[in-house]
Amino acid sequence: MKRRLLLTGAAALGATGLTGCASPTIADYAGEKPVLDLRKYFNGTVDAWGVFTNRSGKVVKRFTVVMKCSWSGEPGREVGVLDEDFVYSDGTTQKRIWTLKRTPGEGGQGRYTGTAGDVVGEAQGEERGNAFYWSYDLDLPVDGRNIVVHFEDWMYQMDERVMLNRATMSKWGVTLGEVTLSFTKR
């Protein structure tokens, strides 16, 4: 009997430990404020500062981004263009132009799909509360060749001007590094 209780207790503790390590979901942020509306935040000019860190946490790239953002279309089905100009600390530059499409979501917030020249397929995202979750595959130039990596972005609106972004980059489920960004709306 004691052995059965010990095994049951160990199994319950193990299950509790596993659920404690579960990844967050967008629903976890539903009640957070300020409520994010990508169409309002990413409208006009937004500046960003970021770093890419490798698996060991070492900063391997620093960069700035100037984003020119606009939206058009009927309410609830808007299309956004995020025209991003990157400047890296080594002097190199890059341009990415996102086209986002919004469809209505829960509580008036939205679901989004997105495309860009270096995005493989279509990005998928959803906003809830103050957060936005964005998942996509990117064709990334590395050491003279391109590799497709997976990104999972979490963005959190802090106030009307500031948003923080943490993105994990992986390949075949192995984390390669992280991108951390701070956005400031002009």
C-alpha atoms as a PDB file:
ATOM      1  CA  MET A   1       0.000   0.000   0.000  1.00  0.00           C
ATOM      2  CA  LYS A   2       2.821   2.390   0.902  1.00  0.00           C
ATOM      3  CA  ARG A   3       4.552   1.590  -2.354  1.00  0.00           C
ATOM      4  CA  ARG A   4       1.367   2.342  -4.344  1.00  0.00           C
ATOM      5  CA  LEU A   5       0.965   5.676  -2.508  1.00  0.00           C
ATOM      6  CA  LEU A   6       4.585   6.551  -3.192  1.00  0.00           C
ATOM      7  CA  LEU A   7       4.226   5.693  -6.885  1.00  0.00           C
ATOM      8  CA  THR A   8       0.958   7.647  -7.139  1.00  0.00           C
ATOM      9  CA  GLY A   9       2.536  10.621  -5.374  1.00  0.00           C
ATOM     10  CA  ALA A  10       5.607  10.499  -7.632  1.00  0.00           C
ATOM     11  CA  ALA A  11       3.414  10.327 -10.750  1.00  0.00           C
ATOM     12  CA  ALA A  12       1.324  13.305  -9.567  1.00  0.00           C
ATOM     13  CA  LEU A  13       4.458  15.295  -8.746  1.00  0.00           C
ATOM     14  CA  GLY A  14       5.925  14.441 -12.147  1.00  0.00           C
ATOM     15  CA  ALA A  15       2.747  15.540 -13.925  1.00  0.00           C
ATOM     16  CA  THR A  16       2.702  18.771 -11.935  1.00  0.00           C
ATOM     17  CA  GLY A  17       6.316  19.387 -12.870  1.00  0.00           C
ATOM     18  CA  LEU A  18       5.580  18.818 -16.534  1.00  0.00           C
ATOM     19  CA  THR A  19       2.625  21.184 -16.610  1.00  0.00           C
ATOM     20  CA  GLY A  20       4.695  23.799 -14.806  1.00  0.00           C
ATOM     21  CA  CYS A  21       7.133  23.712 -17.746  1.00  0.00           C
ATOM     22  CA  ALA A  22       4.445  24.041 -20.437  1.00  0.00           C
ATOM     23  CA  SER A  23       4.916  26.841 -22.957  1.00  0.00           C
ATOM     24  CA  PRO A  24       2.708  29.917 -22.667  1.00  0.00           C
ATOM     25  CA  THR A  25      -0.271  30.276 -24.979  1.00  0.00           C
ATOM     26  CA  ILE A  26      -1.742  33.477 -26.378  1.00  0.00           C
ATOM     27  CA  ALA A  27      -4.830  32.918 -24.195  1.00  0.00           C
ATOM     28  CA  ASP A  28      -2.615  33.418 -21.111  1.00  0.00           C
ATOM     29  CA  TYR A  29      -2.465  37.151 -21.943  1.00  0.00           C
ATOM     30  CA  ALA A  30      -6.168  37.784 -22.668  1.00  0.00           C
ATOM     31  CA  GLY A  31      -6.679  39.957 -19.588  1.00  0.00           C
ATOM     32  CA  GLU A  32      -3.448  41.964 -19.865  1.00  0.00           C
ATOM     33  CA  LYS A  33      -3.429  45.691 -20.587  1.00  0.00           C
ATOM     34  CA  PRO A  34      -2.913  47.824 -22.537  1.00  0.00           C
ATOM     35  CA  VAL A  35      -4.871  45.899 -25.139  1.00  0.00           C
ATOM     36  CA  LEU A  36      -2.755  45.540 -28.282  1.00  0.00           C
ATOM     37  CA  ASP A  37      -4.131  46.422 -31.692  1.00  0.00           C
ATOM     38  CA  LEU A  38      -1.409  45.810 -34.298  1.00  0.00           C
ATOM     39  CA  ARG A  39      -3.204  48.111 -36.750  1.00  0.00           C
ATOM     40  CA  LYS A  40      -2.848  51.029 -34.347  1.00  0.00           C
ATOM     41  CA  TYR A  41       0.617  50.262 -32.999  1.00  0.00           C
ATOM     42  CA  PHE A  42       2.240  49.439 -36.344  1.00  0.00           C
ATOM     43  CA  ASN A  43       0.870  52.502 -38.134  1.00  0.00           C
ATOM     44  CA  GLY A  44       3.259  55.306 -39.020  1.00  0.00           C
ATOM     45  CA  THR A  45       6.961  55.072 -38.186  1.00  0.00           C
ATOM     46  CA  VAL A  46       8.302  52.683 -35.561  1.00  0.00           C
ATOM     47  CA  ASP A  47      11.970  52.466 -34.510  1.00  0.00           C
ATOM     48  CA  ALA A  48      13.538  49.310 -33.076  1.00  0.00           C
ATOM     49  CA  TRP A  49      16.820  48.270 -31.456  1.00  0.00           C
ATOM     50  CA  GLY A  50      17.781  44.632 -31.205  1.00  0.00           C
ATOM     51  CA  VAL A  51      20.360  41.949 -30.520  1.00  0.00           C
ATOM     52  CA  PHE A  52      20.773  38.379 -31.705  1.00  0.00           C
ATOM     53  CA  THR A  53      22.232  36.020 -29.105  1.00  0.00           C
ATOM     54  CA  ASN A  54      23.512  32.522 -29.831  1.00  0.00           C
ATOM     55  CA  ARG A  55      22.616  29.426 -27.771  1.00  0.00           C
ATOM     56  CA  SER A  56      25.140  30.308 -25.082  1.00  0.00           C
ATOM     57  CA  GLY A  57      23.668  33.812 -24.690  1.00  0.00           C
ATOM     58  CA  LYS A  58      26.515  35.691 -26.378  1.00  0.00           C
ATOM     59  CA  VAL A  59      25.470  38.732 -28.436  1.00  0.00           C
ATOM     60  CA  VAL A  60      26.624  38.020 -31.992  1.00  0.00           C
ATOM     61  CA  LYS A  61      24.735  40.788 -33.838  1.00  0.00           C
ATOM     62  CA  ARG A  62      23.331  44.186 -32.917  1.00  0.00           C
ATOM     63  CA  PHE A  63      20.983  46.113 -35.180  1.00  0.00           C
ATOM     64  CA  THR A  64      18.495  48.943 -35.577  1.00  0.00           C
ATOM     65  CA  VAL A  65      15.310  48.937 -37.636  1.00  0.00           C
ATOM     66  CA  VAL A  66      13.185  51.756 -39.024  1.00  0.00           C
ATOM     67  CA  MET A  67       9.695  50.544 -39.928  1.00  0.00           C
ATOM     68  CA  LYS A  68       7.263  52.483 -42.102  1.00  0.00           C
ATOM     69  CA  CYS A  69       3.833  50.972 -41.506  1.00  0.00           C
ATOM     70  CA  SER A  70       0.401  51.468 -43.095  1.00  0.00           C
ATOM     71  CA  TRP A  71      -2.983  49.718 -43.291  1.00  0.00           C
ATOM     72  CA  SER A  72      -5.821  49.696 -45.823  1.00  0.00           C
ATOM     73  CA  GLY A  73      -8.998  47.759 -46.513  1.00  0.00           C
ATOM     74  CA  GLU A  74     -12.396  47.217 -44.965  1.00  0.00           C
ATOM     75  CA  PRO A  75     -12.717  47.071 -41.159  1.00  0.00           C
ATOM     76  CA  GLY A  76     -11.991  43.601 -39.805  1.00  0.00           C
ATOM     77  CA  ARG A  77     -10.162  42.525 -42.954  1.00  0.00           C
ATOM     78  CA  GLU A  78      -7.399  45.103 -43.195  1.00  0.00           C
ATOM     79  CA  VAL A  79      -4.109  44.612 -45.016  1.00  0.00           C
ATOM     80  CA  GLY A  80      -0.940  46.074 -43.518  1.00  0.00           C
ATOM     81  CA  VAL A  81       2.452  46.803 -45.019  1.00  0.00           C
ATOM     82  CA  LEU A  82       5.454  46.901 -42.679  1.00  0.00           C
ATOM     83  CA  ASP A  83       8.447  48.205 -44.634  1.00  0.00           C
ATOM     84  CA  GLU A  84      11.524  47.417 -42.491  1.00  0.00           C
ATOM     85  CA  ASP A  85      15.045  48.785 -43.023  1.00  0.00           C
ATOM     86  CA  PHE A  86      17.714  47.025 -40.912  1.00  0.00           C
ATOM     87  CA  VAL A  87      21.204  48.389 -40.196  1.00  0.00           C
ATOM     88  CA  TYR A  88      23.584  45.943 -38.473  1.00  0.00           C
ATOM     89  CA  SER A  89      26.525  46.854 -36.244  1.00  0.00           C
ATOM     90  CA  ASP A  90      28.955  45.588 -38.919  1.00  0.00           C
ATOM     91  CA  GLY A  91      27.548  48.143 -41.400  1.00  0.00           C
ATOM     92  CA  THR A  92      25.487  45.716 -43.496  1.00  0.00           C
ATOM     93  CA  THR A  93      21.874  46.531 -44.328  1.00  0.00           C
ATOM     94  CA  GLN A  94      18.760  44.524 -45.091  1.00  0.00           C
ATOM     95  CA  LYS A  95      15.191  45.263 -46.182  1.00  0.00           C
ATOM     96  CA  ARG A  96      12.113  43.184 -45.401  1.00  0.00           C
ATOM     97  CA  ILE A  97       8.602  44.152 -46.450  1.00  0.00           C
ATOM     98  CA  TRP A  98       5.844  42.311 -44.636  1.00  0.00           C
ATOM     99  CA  THR A  99       2.289  42.151 -45.974  1.00  0.00           C
ATOM    100  CA  LEU A 100      -0.104  41.305 -43.146  1.00  0.00           C
ATOM    101  CA  LYS A 101      -3.742  40.277 -43.511  1.00  0.00           C
ATOM    102  CA  ARG A 102      -6.111  40.524 -40.576  1.00  0.00           C
ATOM    103  CA  THR A 103      -9.173  38.419 -39.872  1.00  0.00           C
ATOM    104  CA  PRO A 104     -11.411  39.017 -36.863  1.00  0.00           C
ATOM    105  CA  GLY A 105     -10.605  37.043 -33.747  1.00  0.00           C
ATOM    106  CA  GLU A 106     -11.906  36.556 -30.251  1.00  0.00           C
ATOM    107  CA  GLY A 107     -13.082  39.674 -28.400  1.00  0.00           C
ATOM    108  CA  GLY A 108     -12.449  41.957 -31.385  1.00  0.00           C
ATOM    109  CA  GLN A 109      -8.755  41.187 -31.459  1.00  0.00           C
ATOM    110  CA  GLY A 110      -7.353  39.619 -34.577  1.00  0.00           C
ATOM    111  CA  ARG A 111      -5.626  36.759 -36.246  1.00  0.00           C
ATOM    112  CA  TYR A 112      -3.023  37.575 -38.847  1.00  0.00           C
ATOM    113  CA  THR A 113      -1.261  35.928 -41.745  1.00  0.00           C
ATOM    114  CA  GLY A 114       1.846  37.433 -43.271  1.00  0.00           C
ATOM    115  CA  THR A 115       4.248  37.127 -46.155  1.00  0.00           C
ATOM    116  CA  ALA A 116       7.634  38.645 -46.961  1.00  0.00           C
ATOM    117  CA  GLY A 117      10.294  37.962 -49.594  1.00  0.00           C
ATOM    118  CA  ASP A 118      12.435  35.817 -47.282  1.00  0.00           C
ATOM    119  CA  VAL A 119       9.565  34.121 -45.426  1.00  0.00           C
ATOM    120  CA  VAL A 120       8.902  30.545 -46.538  1.00  0.00           C
ATOM    121  CA  GLY A 121       5.156  30.012 -46.868  1.00  0.00           C
ATOM    122  CA  GLU A 122       2.895  32.093 -44.676  1.00  0.00           C
ATOM    123  CA  ALA A 123       3.417  33.416 -41.149  1.00  0.00           C
ATOM    124  CA  GLN A 124       0.597  32.870 -38.652  1.00  0.00           C
ATOM    125  CA  GLY A 125      -0.170  35.092 -35.683  1.00  0.00           C
ATOM    126  CA  GLU A 126      -2.739  36.142 -33.120  1.00  0.00           C
ATOM    127  CA  GLU A 127      -3.117  39.064 -30.738  1.00  0.00           C
ATOM    128  CA  ARG A 128      -4.752  38.719 -27.329  1.00  0.00           C
ATOM    129  CA  GLY A 129      -4.625  41.180 -24.436  1.00  0.00           C
ATOM    130  CA  ASN A 130      -1.278  43.003 -24.655  1.00  0.00           C
ATOM    131  CA  ALA A 131       0.483  40.183 -26.536  1.00  0.00           C
ATOM    132  CA  PHE A 132       1.042  39.021 -30.094  1.00  0.00           C
ATOM    133  CA  TYR A 133       2.323  35.544 -31.003  1.00  0.00           C
ATOM    134  CA  TRP A 134       3.868  35.163 -34.462  1.00  0.00           C
ATOM    135  CA  SER A 135       5.266  31.950 -36.017  1.00  0.00           C
ATOM    136  CA  TYR A 136       7.058  31.608 -39.359  1.00  0.00           C
ATOM    137  CA  ASP A 137       9.935  30.065 -41.312  1.00  0.00           C
ATOM    138  CA  LEU A 138      12.663  32.360 -42.624  1.00  0.00           C
ATOM    139  CA  ASP A 139      15.175  31.734 -45.433  1.00  0.00           C
ATOM    140  CA  LEU A 140      18.263  33.101 -43.686  1.00  0.00           C
ATOM    141  CA  PRO A 141      21.667  33.771 -45.290  1.00  0.00           C
ATOM    142  CA  VAL A 142      24.438  32.215 -43.162  1.00  0.00           C
ATOM    143  CA  ASP A 143      28.109  31.997 -44.173  1.00  0.00           C
ATOM    144  CA  GLY A 144      27.472  32.261 -47.906  1.00  0.00           C
ATOM    145  CA  ARG A 145      24.504  29.897 -48.068  1.00  0.00           C
ATOM    146  CA  ASN A 146      20.856  30.005 -47.047  1.00  0.00           C
ATOM    147  CA  ILE A 147      19.161  27.876 -44.410  1.00  0.00           C
ATOM    148  CA  VAL A 148      15.502  27.801 -43.451  1.00  0.00           C
ATOM    149  CA  VAL A 149      14.976  28.431 -39.747  1.00  0.00           C
ATOM    150  CA  HIS A 150      11.828  28.626 -37.646  1.00  0.00           C
ATOM    151  CA  PHE A 151      10.951  31.740 -35.633  1.00  0.00           C
ATOM    152  CA  GLU A 152       8.502  32.056 -32.769  1.00  0.00           C
ATOM    153  CA  ASP A 153       7.986  35.692 -31.798  1.00  0.00           C
ATOM    154  CA  TRP A 154       6.290  36.982 -28.669  1.00  0.00           C
ATOM    155  CA  MET A 155       5.538  40.713 -28.616  1.00  0.00           C
ATOM    156  CA  TYR A 156       4.260  42.567 -25.548  1.00  0.00           C
ATOM    157  CA  GLN A 157       2.869  46.092 -25.659  1.00  0.00           C
ATOM    158  CA  MET A 158       4.154  47.955 -22.599  1.00  0.00           C
ATOM    159  CA  ASP A 159       2.419  51.298 -23.162  1.00  0.00           C
ATOM    160  CA  GLU A 160       1.196  53.371 -26.120  1.00  0.00           C
ATOM    161  CA  ARG A 161       4.746  53.842 -27.484  1.00  0.00           C
ATOM    162  CA  VAL A 162       6.841  50.845 -26.349  1.00  0.00           C
ATOM    163  CA  MET A 163       6.641  47.182 -27.322  1.00  0.00           C
ATOM    164  CA  LEU A 164       9.105  44.405 -26.427  1.00  0.00           C
ATOM    165  CA  ASN A 165       9.762  41.400 -28.666  1.00  0.00           C
ATOM    166  CA  ARG A 166      11.471  38.111 -27.872  1.00  0.00           C
ATOM    167  CA  ALA A 167      11.945  35.644 -30.728  1.00  0.00           C
ATOM    168  CA  THR A 168      13.374  32.145 -30.595  1.00  0.00           C
ATOM    169  CA  MET A 169      15.112  30.813 -33.703  1.00  0.00           C
ATOM    170  CA  SER A 170      15.318  27.037 -34.181  1.00  0.00           C
ATOM    171  CA  LYS A 171      16.108  24.355 -36.737  1.00  0.00           C
ATOM    172  CA  TRP A 172      14.660  20.811 -36.430  1.00  0.00           C
ATOM    173  CA  GLY A 173      13.455  21.705 -32.924  1.00  0.00           C
ATOM    174  CA  VAL A 174      16.928  22.747 -31.723  1.00  0.00           C
ATOM    175  CA  THR A 175      17.196  26.334 -30.479  1.00  0.00           C
ATOM    176  CA  LEU A 176      19.892  28.240 -32.374  1.00  0.00           C
ATOM    177  CA  GLY A 177      19.508  31.602 -30.671  1.00  0.00           C
ATOM    178  CA  GLU A 178      17.218  34.446 -29.692  1.00  0.00           C
ATOM    179  CA  VAL A 179      16.394  37.892 -30.988  1.00  0.00           C
ATOM    180  CA  THR A 180      15.423  40.581 -28.484  1.00  0.00           C
ATOM    181  CA  LEU A 181      13.915  43.848 -29.756  1.00  0.00           C
ATOM    182  CA  SER A 182      12.574  47.037 -28.271  1.00  0.00           C
ATOM    183  CA  PHE A 183      10.120  48.974 -30.475  1.00  0.00           C
ATOM    184  CA  THR A 184       9.296  52.653 -29.980  1.00  0.00           C
ATOM    185  CA  LYS A 185       6.458  54.277 -31.901  1.00  0.00           C
ATOM    186  CA  ARG A 186       7.161  57.830 -33.063  1.00  0.00           C
END
